[in-house]
Amino acid sequence: MSKGSSHLRGEDPCKTHLINTSLIPHWFLAISPEGKFPLVKFDDDENWVADSDVIVGIIEEKYPEPSLVMAPPEFASVGSNMPIMPMTELRRFCWMSSRRWTIRGW
C-alpha cells in the first residue's frame, strides 16, 4: 500500500487535531510535555513521536514507495545543521531583500 492510498479510497487513516499554539491544551502537554509539533502516534507503537525527521523515517520504513525523501541519506540532515539567523538579522535581511516585503507583528 502506498502513502495516501487509504485516503484516496475514502478511508481516514488518522485523526487530526488542530492545536492553538498560543493556548496549548493540557491533554496535549500530557502527551508532549515540551509542546513539540508535529506529534504522531503510529498504530503498532505505544510511543508518541515529536520529531519531523523521525516521523518521515518511520513512514519511509512502513511505506517505501513513493519515497518522501528527495535527498540521499548522507545529505538528509544538511538543513538542520545550518546556523539559525537571529530575528533582528532576519528582519534586516527581509527589509534589504525587497522593499515590498512587509513583516507584521515582529
N, C-alpha and C. Protein backbone atom coordinates (compact mmCIF):
# COMPACT_ATOMS: atom_id res chain seq x y z
N MET A 1 0.84 -1.17 0.00
CA MET A 1 0.00 0.00 0.00
C MET A 1 0.89 1.23 0.00
N SER A 2 0.61 2.17 -0.85
CA SER A 2 1.42 3.39 -0.91
C SER A 2 0.85 4.45 0.02
N LYS A 3 1.68 5.44 0.29
CA LYS A 3 1.26 6.54 1.16
C LYS A 3 0.05 7.23 0.55
N GLY A 4 -0.97 7.44 1.36
CA GLY A 4 -2.12 8.18 0.88
C GLY A 4 -3.17 7.34 0.17
N SER A 5 -2.90 6.06 -0.11
CA SER A 5 -3.86 5.27 -0.87
C SER A 5 -5.15 5.05 -0.09
N SER A 6 -5.07 4.88 1.25
CA SER A 6 -6.30 4.71 2.02
C SER A 6 -7.14 5.98 1.98
N HIS A 7 -6.48 7.13 1.94
CA HIS A 7 -7.20 8.41 1.84
C HIS A 7 -7.93 8.49 0.51
N LEU A 8 -7.32 7.99 -0.56
CA LEU A 8 -7.95 8.03 -1.87
C LEU A 8 -9.16 7.12 -1.93
N ARG A 9 -9.19 6.06 -1.11
CA ARG A 9 -10.33 5.16 -1.09
C ARG A 9 -11.44 5.68 -0.18
N GLY A 10 -11.25 6.87 0.40
CA GLY A 10 -12.27 7.44 1.25
C GLY A 10 -12.13 7.09 2.72
N GLU A 11 -11.08 6.33 3.08
CA GLU A 11 -10.86 5.99 4.48
C GLU A 11 -10.04 7.10 5.14
N ASP A 12 -10.25 7.31 6.43
CA ASP A 12 -9.45 8.28 7.16
C ASP A 12 -8.39 7.52 7.93
N PRO A 13 -7.13 7.57 7.48
CA PRO A 13 -6.08 6.77 8.11
C PRO A 13 -5.62 7.33 9.46
N CYS A 14 -6.03 8.53 9.82
CA CYS A 14 -5.57 9.11 11.08
C CYS A 14 -6.57 10.13 11.59
N LYS A 15 -6.40 10.48 12.86
CA LYS A 15 -7.19 11.56 13.44
C LYS A 15 -6.31 12.80 13.47
N THR A 16 -6.86 13.91 13.07
CA THR A 16 -6.13 15.17 13.08
C THR A 16 -6.74 16.09 14.13
N HIS A 17 -5.89 16.66 14.96
CA HIS A 17 -6.33 17.63 15.96
C HIS A 17 -5.60 18.93 15.69
N LEU A 18 -6.35 19.98 15.43
CA LEU A 18 -5.74 21.30 15.25
C LEU A 18 -5.53 21.91 16.63
N ILE A 19 -4.32 22.40 16.87
CA ILE A 19 -3.94 22.93 18.18
C ILE A 19 -3.65 24.42 18.07
N ASN A 20 -4.24 25.20 18.95
CA ASN A 20 -3.93 26.62 19.05
C ASN A 20 -2.59 26.73 19.77
N THR A 21 -1.55 27.14 19.05
CA THR A 21 -0.21 27.16 19.64
C THR A 21 -0.03 28.24 20.70
N SER A 22 -0.92 29.20 20.76
CA SER A 22 -0.81 30.21 21.81
C SER A 22 -1.50 29.77 23.10
N LEU A 23 -2.32 28.73 23.02
CA LEU A 23 -3.01 28.20 24.20
C LEU A 23 -3.07 26.67 24.07
N ILE A 24 -1.95 26.01 24.35
CA ILE A 24 -1.84 24.56 24.16
C ILE A 24 -2.65 23.86 25.26
N PRO A 25 -3.56 22.95 24.88
CA PRO A 25 -4.40 22.28 25.87
C PRO A 25 -3.59 21.34 26.78
N HIS A 26 -4.12 21.13 27.99
CA HIS A 26 -3.44 20.28 28.98
C HIS A 26 -3.27 18.85 28.48
N TRP A 27 -4.27 18.31 27.76
CA TRP A 27 -4.16 16.94 27.28
C TRP A 27 -3.00 16.80 26.31
N PHE A 28 -2.72 17.85 25.52
CA PHE A 28 -1.60 17.78 24.58
C PHE A 28 -0.27 17.82 25.34
N LEU A 29 -0.18 18.68 26.35
CA LEU A 29 1.05 18.77 27.14
C LEU A 29 1.30 17.50 27.95
N ALA A 30 0.25 16.75 28.27
CA ALA A 30 0.43 15.47 28.94
C ALA A 30 1.11 14.46 28.01
N ILE A 31 0.83 14.57 26.72
CA ILE A 31 1.44 13.68 25.72
C ILE A 31 2.81 14.19 25.32
N SER A 32 2.93 15.48 25.11
CA SER A 32 4.17 16.11 24.67
C SER A 32 4.52 17.25 25.63
N PRO A 33 5.20 16.94 26.74
CA PRO A 33 5.48 17.96 27.77
C PRO A 33 6.21 19.19 27.24
N GLU A 34 7.02 19.03 26.19
CA GLU A 34 7.73 20.18 25.62
C GLU A 34 6.85 20.96 24.65
N GLY A 35 5.67 20.44 24.33
CA GLY A 35 4.75 21.12 23.42
C GLY A 35 5.21 21.10 21.97
N LYS A 36 5.97 20.07 21.58
CA LYS A 36 6.52 20.00 20.22
C LYS A 36 5.46 19.59 19.21
N PHE A 37 5.59 20.15 18.01
CA PHE A 37 4.75 19.81 16.86
C PHE A 37 5.66 19.39 15.72
N PRO A 38 5.28 18.55 14.79
CA PRO A 38 4.09 17.71 14.80
C PRO A 38 4.26 16.57 15.80
N LEU A 39 3.17 15.92 16.11
CA LEU A 39 3.17 14.81 17.05
C LEU A 39 2.37 13.68 16.42
N VAL A 40 2.98 12.49 16.34
CA VAL A 40 2.35 11.36 15.66
C VAL A 40 2.48 10.12 16.53
N LYS A 41 1.41 9.32 16.56
CA LYS A 41 1.46 8.00 17.20
C LYS A 41 1.09 6.98 16.14
N PHE A 42 1.99 6.05 15.90
CA PHE A 42 1.75 5.01 14.91
C PHE A 42 1.03 3.85 15.57
N ASP A 43 0.19 3.14 14.80
CA ASP A 43 -0.66 2.07 15.33
C ASP A 43 0.10 1.00 16.09
N ASP A 44 1.27 0.62 15.61
CA ASP A 44 1.99 -0.50 16.19
C ASP A 44 2.93 -0.10 17.33
N ASP A 45 2.83 1.12 17.80
CA ASP A 45 3.73 1.60 18.85
C ASP A 45 2.93 2.38 19.89
N GLU A 46 3.34 2.26 21.14
CA GLU A 46 2.68 2.98 22.23
C GLU A 46 3.20 4.41 22.37
N ASN A 47 4.36 4.70 21.78
CA ASN A 47 5.03 5.98 21.97
C ASN A 47 4.58 7.02 20.95
N TRP A 48 4.58 8.27 21.39
CA TRP A 48 4.33 9.40 20.51
C TRP A 48 5.66 9.89 19.97
N VAL A 49 5.69 10.31 18.71
CA VAL A 49 6.91 10.80 18.07
C VAL A 49 6.72 12.28 17.75
N ALA A 50 7.66 13.12 18.25
CA ALA A 50 7.53 14.57 18.08
C ALA A 50 8.72 15.15 17.34
N ASP A 51 9.31 14.39 16.43
CA ASP A 51 10.46 14.86 15.66
C ASP A 51 10.17 14.60 14.19
N SER A 52 10.13 15.66 13.38
CA SER A 52 9.76 15.53 11.97
C SER A 52 10.64 14.55 11.21
N ASP A 53 11.96 14.61 11.45
CA ASP A 53 12.87 13.70 10.75
C ASP A 53 12.58 12.25 11.11
N VAL A 54 12.31 11.98 12.38
CA VAL A 54 12.00 10.61 12.82
C VAL A 54 10.66 10.17 12.23
N ILE A 55 9.68 11.06 12.20
CA ILE A 55 8.37 10.73 11.62
C ILE A 55 8.51 10.33 10.16
N VAL A 56 9.25 11.13 9.39
CA VAL A 56 9.46 10.81 7.97
C VAL A 56 10.19 9.48 7.84
N GLY A 57 11.19 9.22 8.69
CA GLY A 57 11.92 7.95 8.65
C GLY A 57 11.02 6.76 8.89
N ILE A 58 10.11 6.87 9.86
CA ILE A 58 9.19 5.77 10.15
C ILE A 58 8.24 5.55 8.98
N ILE A 59 7.71 6.63 8.40
CA ILE A 59 6.82 6.49 7.24
C ILE A 59 7.58 5.85 6.08
N GLU A 60 8.83 6.25 5.88
CA GLU A 60 9.65 5.66 4.81
C GLU A 60 9.83 4.15 5.01
N GLU A 61 10.04 3.73 6.26
CA GLU A 61 10.20 2.29 6.54
C GLU A 61 8.91 1.54 6.28
N LYS A 62 7.78 2.11 6.70
CA LYS A 62 6.49 1.43 6.54
C LYS A 62 6.03 1.40 5.08
N TYR A 63 6.24 2.51 4.39
CA TYR A 63 5.76 2.66 3.01
C TYR A 63 6.88 3.24 2.16
N PRO A 64 7.80 2.40 1.67
CA PRO A 64 8.97 2.92 0.94
C PRO A 64 8.67 3.55 -0.42
N GLU A 65 7.55 3.23 -1.03
CA GLU A 65 7.23 3.79 -2.34
C GLU A 65 5.88 4.48 -2.30
N PRO A 66 5.77 5.65 -2.85
CA PRO A 66 6.82 6.53 -3.34
C PRO A 66 7.56 7.17 -2.16
N SER A 67 8.80 7.47 -2.37
CA SER A 67 9.64 8.00 -1.30
C SER A 67 9.27 9.44 -0.96
N LEU A 68 9.30 9.76 0.33
CA LEU A 68 9.10 11.13 0.78
C LEU A 68 10.41 11.90 0.80
N VAL A 69 11.52 11.17 0.80
CA VAL A 69 12.84 11.77 0.92
C VAL A 69 13.42 11.98 -0.47
N MET A 70 13.77 13.22 -0.79
CA MET A 70 14.29 13.51 -2.11
C MET A 70 15.81 13.49 -2.13
N ALA A 71 16.44 13.74 -1.00
CA ALA A 71 17.90 13.79 -0.94
C ALA A 71 18.45 12.42 -0.52
N PRO A 72 19.68 12.10 -0.94
CA PRO A 72 20.31 10.87 -0.46
C PRO A 72 20.47 10.95 1.07
N PRO A 73 20.47 9.80 1.77
CA PRO A 73 20.54 9.80 3.23
C PRO A 73 21.70 10.61 3.81
N GLU A 74 22.85 10.63 3.13
CA GLU A 74 24.00 11.35 3.68
C GLU A 74 23.78 12.87 3.69
N PHE A 75 22.80 13.36 2.93
CA PHE A 75 22.50 14.80 2.91
C PHE A 75 21.18 15.13 3.60
N ALA A 76 20.53 14.16 4.19
CA ALA A 76 19.18 14.36 4.74
C ALA A 76 19.12 15.39 5.85
N SER A 77 20.18 15.55 6.63
CA SER A 77 20.12 16.48 7.75
C SER A 77 20.91 17.75 7.52
N VAL A 78 21.28 18.03 6.28
CA VAL A 78 22.09 19.22 6.00
C VAL A 78 21.39 20.49 6.46
N GLY A 79 20.10 20.62 6.22
CA GLY A 79 19.36 21.82 6.62
C GLY A 79 19.34 22.03 8.11
N SER A 80 19.28 20.93 8.88
CA SER A 80 19.24 21.09 10.33
C SER A 80 20.59 21.48 10.91
N ASN A 81 21.66 21.40 10.12
CA ASN A 81 22.99 21.79 10.59
C ASN A 81 23.32 23.25 10.27
N MET A 82 22.42 23.94 9.58
CA MET A 82 22.67 25.33 9.21
C MET A 82 22.44 26.24 10.41
N PRO A 83 23.23 27.30 10.53
CA PRO A 83 23.01 28.22 11.65
C PRO A 83 21.68 28.95 11.50
N ILE A 84 21.08 29.25 12.62
CA ILE A 84 19.80 29.96 12.62
C ILE A 84 20.07 31.45 12.74
N MET A 85 19.46 32.22 11.85
CA MET A 85 19.66 33.67 11.84
C MET A 85 18.86 34.31 12.97
N PRO A 86 19.49 35.15 13.80
CA PRO A 86 18.73 35.83 14.85
C PRO A 86 17.61 36.68 14.25
N MET A 87 16.52 36.86 14.99
CA MET A 87 15.35 37.56 14.49
C MET A 87 15.69 38.98 14.02
N THR A 88 16.58 39.68 14.73
CA THR A 88 16.93 41.04 14.31
C THR A 88 17.62 41.02 12.95
N GLU A 89 18.47 40.04 12.73
CA GLU A 89 19.14 39.92 11.43
C GLU A 89 18.15 39.52 10.35
N LEU A 90 17.20 38.65 10.70
CA LEU A 90 16.20 38.23 9.73
C LEU A 90 15.36 39.41 9.28
N ARG A 91 14.96 40.28 10.21
CA ARG A 91 14.18 41.46 9.85
C ARG A 91 14.96 42.36 8.90
N ARG A 92 16.24 42.59 9.21
CA ARG A 92 17.08 43.43 8.37
C ARG A 92 17.25 42.79 6.99
N PHE A 93 17.45 41.46 6.95
CA PHE A 93 17.60 40.75 5.69
C PHE A 93 16.34 40.87 4.85
N CYS A 94 15.17 40.69 5.47
CA CYS A 94 13.91 40.79 4.73
C CYS A 94 13.71 42.20 4.19
N TRP A 95 14.04 43.21 4.98
CA TRP A 95 13.88 44.59 4.54
C TRP A 95 14.81 44.88 3.37
N MET A 96 16.05 44.38 3.45
CA MET A 96 17.02 44.65 2.39
C MET A 96 16.70 43.85 1.13
N SER A 97 16.11 42.66 1.29
CA SER A 97 15.85 41.80 0.14
C SER A 97 14.80 42.39 -0.79
N SER A 98 13.78 42.96 -0.21
CA SER A 98 12.70 43.50 -1.03
C SER A 98 11.95 44.56 -0.24
N ARG A 99 11.90 45.76 -0.76
CA ARG A 99 11.20 46.84 -0.07
C ARG A 99 9.70 46.56 -0.02
N ARG A 100 9.21 45.66 -0.86
CA ARG A 100 7.79 45.36 -0.87
C ARG A 100 7.40 44.35 0.21
N TRP A 101 8.36 43.61 0.74
CA TRP A 101 8.05 42.65 1.81
C TRP A 101 7.65 43.38 3.06
N THR A 102 6.61 42.94 3.68
CA THR A 102 6.19 43.52 4.95
C THR A 102 6.06 42.39 5.95
N ILE A 103 6.75 42.51 7.06
CA ILE A 103 6.65 41.51 8.12
C ILE A 103 5.97 42.19 9.29
N ARG A 104 4.77 41.75 9.59
CA ARG A 104 3.98 42.40 10.64
C ARG A 104 4.02 41.56 11.92
N GLY A 105 3.91 42.24 13.01
CA GLY A 105 3.82 41.55 14.29
C GLY A 105 5.15 41.24 14.92
N TRP A 106 6.25 41.73 14.36
CA TRP A 106 7.57 41.45 14.97
C TRP A 106 8.04 42.63 15.73
